[in-house]
Amino acid sequence: MPEETKKQDEAKKVPEAAEKPTNCMKCNKRLKRKAWYYKNNGYYCSKGCWQQAVKALAAKKDKKT
Protein backbone atom coordinates (compact mmCIF):
# COMPACT_ATOMS: atom_id res chain seq x y z
CA MET A 1 0.00 0.00 0.00
CA PRO A 2 2.70 2.61 0.79
CA GLU A 3 4.06 2.22 -2.75
CA GLU A 4 0.68 3.15 -4.20
CA THR A 5 0.47 6.34 -2.13
CA LYS A 6 3.96 7.36 -3.27
CA LYS A 7 2.92 6.95 -6.89
CA GLN A 8 -0.19 9.04 -6.31
CA ASP A 9 1.83 11.79 -4.60
CA GLU A 10 4.29 11.88 -7.51
CA ALA A 11 1.42 12.13 -9.99
CA LYS A 12 -0.09 15.06 -8.11
CA LYS A 13 3.11 17.12 -8.23
CA VAL A 14 2.93 19.65 -11.02
CA PRO A 15 6.21 20.85 -12.54
CA GLU A 16 6.74 24.57 -12.19
CA ALA A 17 6.56 26.52 -15.42
CA ALA A 18 9.56 28.67 -16.26
CA GLU A 19 8.70 32.30 -15.73
CA LYS A 20 9.31 34.81 -18.49
CA PRO A 21 11.60 37.65 -17.44
CA THR A 22 10.10 41.12 -17.35
CA ASN A 23 12.99 43.00 -19.01
CA CYS A 24 14.95 42.76 -22.24
CA MET A 25 18.37 41.13 -21.76
CA LYS A 26 20.12 43.73 -23.95
CA CYS A 27 18.53 47.12 -23.27
CA ASN A 28 16.61 46.30 -20.06
CA LYS A 29 13.30 47.64 -21.43
CA ARG A 30 10.08 46.21 -20.09
CA LEU A 31 8.82 43.29 -22.19
CA LYS A 32 5.25 43.92 -23.29
CA ARG A 33 2.74 41.13 -23.26
CA LYS A 34 2.31 40.88 -27.02
CA ALA A 35 5.70 41.99 -28.21
CA TRP A 36 8.69 39.98 -27.06
CA TYR A 37 11.32 38.03 -28.92
CA TYR A 38 12.75 34.75 -27.59
CA LYS A 39 15.96 33.47 -29.13
CA ASN A 40 18.92 31.43 -27.86
CA ASN A 41 17.56 31.08 -24.33
CA GLY A 42 17.03 34.82 -23.91
CA TYR A 43 14.14 37.28 -24.02
CA TYR A 44 14.55 40.50 -26.01
CA CYS A 45 12.22 43.41 -26.76
CA SER A 46 12.86 43.23 -30.52
CA LYS A 47 14.81 41.44 -33.20
CA GLY A 48 17.21 44.40 -33.30
CA CYS A 49 18.15 43.96 -29.64
CA TRP A 50 18.73 40.26 -30.24
CA GLN A 51 21.00 41.00 -33.20
CA GLN A 52 22.98 43.53 -31.15
CA ALA A 53 23.37 40.97 -28.37
CA VAL A 54 24.65 38.39 -30.86
CA LYS A 55 27.17 40.87 -32.28
CA ALA A 56 28.35 41.82 -28.79
CA LEU A 57 28.74 38.15 -27.87
CA ALA A 58 30.71 37.46 -31.06
CA ALA A 59 32.99 40.44 -30.37
CA LYS A 60 33.54 39.19 -26.83
CA LYS A 61 34.51 35.73 -28.14
CA ASP A 62 36.92 37.28 -30.66
CA LYS A 63 38.68 39.19 -27.89
CA LYS A 64 39.17 36.00 -25.87
CA THR A 65 40.88 34.13 -28.73
C-alpha atoms as a PDB file:
ATOM      1  CA  MET A   1       0.000   0.000   0.000  1.00  0.00           C
ATOM      2  CA  PRO A   2       2.699   2.612   0.794  1.00  0.00           C
ATOM      3  CA  GLU A   3       4.057   2.220  -2.754  1.00  0.00           C
ATOM      4  CA  GLU A   4       0.679   3.155  -4.195  1.00  0.00           C
ATOM      5  CA  THR A   5       0.473   6.344  -2.133  1.00  0.00           C
ATOM      6  CA  LYS A   6       3.962   7.356  -3.266  1.00  0.00           C
ATOM      7  CA  LYS A   7       2.924   6.947  -6.889  1.00  0.00           C
ATOM      8  CA  GLN A   8      -0.191   9.036  -6.310  1.00  0.00           C
ATOM      9  CA  ASP A   9       1.830  11.786  -4.604  1.00  0.00           C
ATOM     10  CA  GLU A  10       4.286  11.879  -7.512  1.00  0.00           C
ATOM     11  CA  ALA A  11       1.424  12.128  -9.989  1.00  0.00           C
ATOM     12  CA  LYS A  12      -0.088  15.062  -8.109  1.00  0.00           C
ATOM     13  CA  LYS A  13       3.113  17.124  -8.231  1.00  0.00           C
ATOM     14  CA  VAL A  14       2.929  19.653 -11.017  1.00  0.00           C
ATOM     15  CA  PRO A  15       6.210  20.845 -12.535  1.00  0.00           C
ATOM     16  CA  GLU A  16       6.736  24.569 -12.191  1.00  0.00           C
ATOM     17  CA  ALA A  17       6.560  26.522 -15.425  1.00  0.00           C
ATOM     18  CA  ALA A  18       9.561  28.667 -16.263  1.00  0.00           C
ATOM     19  CA  GLU A  19       8.697  32.299 -15.734  1.00  0.00           C
ATOM     20  CA  LYS A  20       9.306  34.807 -18.488  1.00  0.00           C
ATOM     21  CA  PRO A  21      11.602  37.648 -17.440  1.00  0.00           C
ATOM     22  CA  THR A  22      10.095  41.124 -17.346  1.00  0.00           C
ATOM     23  CA  ASN A  23      12.987  42.996 -19.011  1.00  0.00           C
ATOM     24  CA  CYS A  24      14.954  42.757 -22.245  1.00  0.00           C
ATOM     25  CA  MET A  25      18.368  41.132 -21.759  1.00  0.00           C
ATOM     26  CA  LYS A  26      20.121  43.728 -23.950  1.00  0.00           C
ATOM     27  CA  CYS A  27      18.530  47.122 -23.269  1.00  0.00           C
ATOM     28  CA  ASN A  28      16.613  46.304 -20.058  1.00  0.00           C
ATOM     29  CA  LYS A  29      13.302  47.643 -21.428  1.00  0.00           C
ATOM     30  CA  ARG A  30      10.078  46.209 -20.086  1.00  0.00           C
ATOM     31  CA  LEU A  31       8.819  43.290 -22.185  1.00  0.00           C
ATOM     32  CA  LYS A  32       5.252  43.920 -23.290  1.00  0.00           C
ATOM     33  CA  ARG A  33       2.742  41.125 -23.265  1.00  0.00           C
ATOM     34  CA  LYS A  34       2.309  40.881 -27.023  1.00  0.00           C
ATOM     35  CA  ALA A  35       5.705  41.989 -28.208  1.00  0.00           C
ATOM     36  CA  TRP A  36       8.692  39.978 -27.063  1.00  0.00           C
ATOM     37  CA  TYR A  37      11.315  38.029 -28.918  1.00  0.00           C
ATOM     38  CA  TYR A  38      12.749  34.751 -27.588  1.00  0.00           C
ATOM     39  CA  LYS A  39      15.961  33.473 -29.132  1.00  0.00           C
ATOM     40  CA  ASN A  40      18.925  31.429 -27.857  1.00  0.00           C
ATOM     41  CA  ASN A  41      17.558  31.078 -24.325  1.00  0.00           C
ATOM     42  CA  GLY A  42      17.033  34.820 -23.912  1.00  0.00           C
ATOM     43  CA  TYR A  43      14.144  37.280 -24.025  1.00  0.00           C
ATOM     44  CA  TYR A  44      14.551  40.504 -26.008  1.00  0.00           C
ATOM     45  CA  CYS A  45      12.225  43.408 -26.756  1.00  0.00           C
ATOM     46  CA  SER A  46      12.857  43.229 -30.517  1.00  0.00           C
ATOM     47  CA  LYS A  47      14.808  41.439 -33.204  1.00  0.00           C
ATOM     48  CA  GLY A  48      17.213  44.395 -33.301  1.00  0.00           C
ATOM     49  CA  CYS A  49      18.153  43.957 -29.642  1.00  0.00           C
ATOM     50  CA  TRP A  50      18.727  40.256 -30.235  1.00  0.00           C
ATOM     51  CA  GLN A  51      20.999  41.003 -33.204  1.00  0.00           C
ATOM     52  CA  GLN A  52      22.984  43.531 -31.148  1.00  0.00           C
ATOM     53  CA  ALA A  53      23.372  40.973 -28.370  1.00  0.00           C
ATOM     54  CA  VAL A  54      24.651  38.385 -30.864  1.00  0.00           C
ATOM     55  CA  LYS A  55      27.166  40.873 -32.281  1.00  0.00           C
ATOM     56  CA  ALA A  56      28.347  41.819 -28.788  1.00  0.00           C
ATOM     57  CA  LEU A  57      28.741  38.148 -27.865  1.00  0.00           C
ATOM     58  CA  ALA A  58      30.711  37.455 -31.058  1.00  0.00           C
ATOM     59  CA  ALA A  59      32.992  40.439 -30.372  1.00  0.00           C
ATOM     60  CA  LYS A  60      33.541  39.193 -26.829  1.00  0.00           C
ATOM     61  CA  LYS A  61      34.514  35.732 -28.142  1.00  0.00           C
ATOM     62  CA  ASP A  62      36.916  37.283 -30.662  1.00  0.00           C
ATOM     63  CA  LYS A  63      38.684  39.187 -27.887  1.00  0.00           C
ATOM     64  CA  LYS A  64      39.173  35.997 -25.868  1.00  0.00           C
ATOM     65  CA  THR A  65      40.879  34.133 -28.730  1.00  0.00           C
END
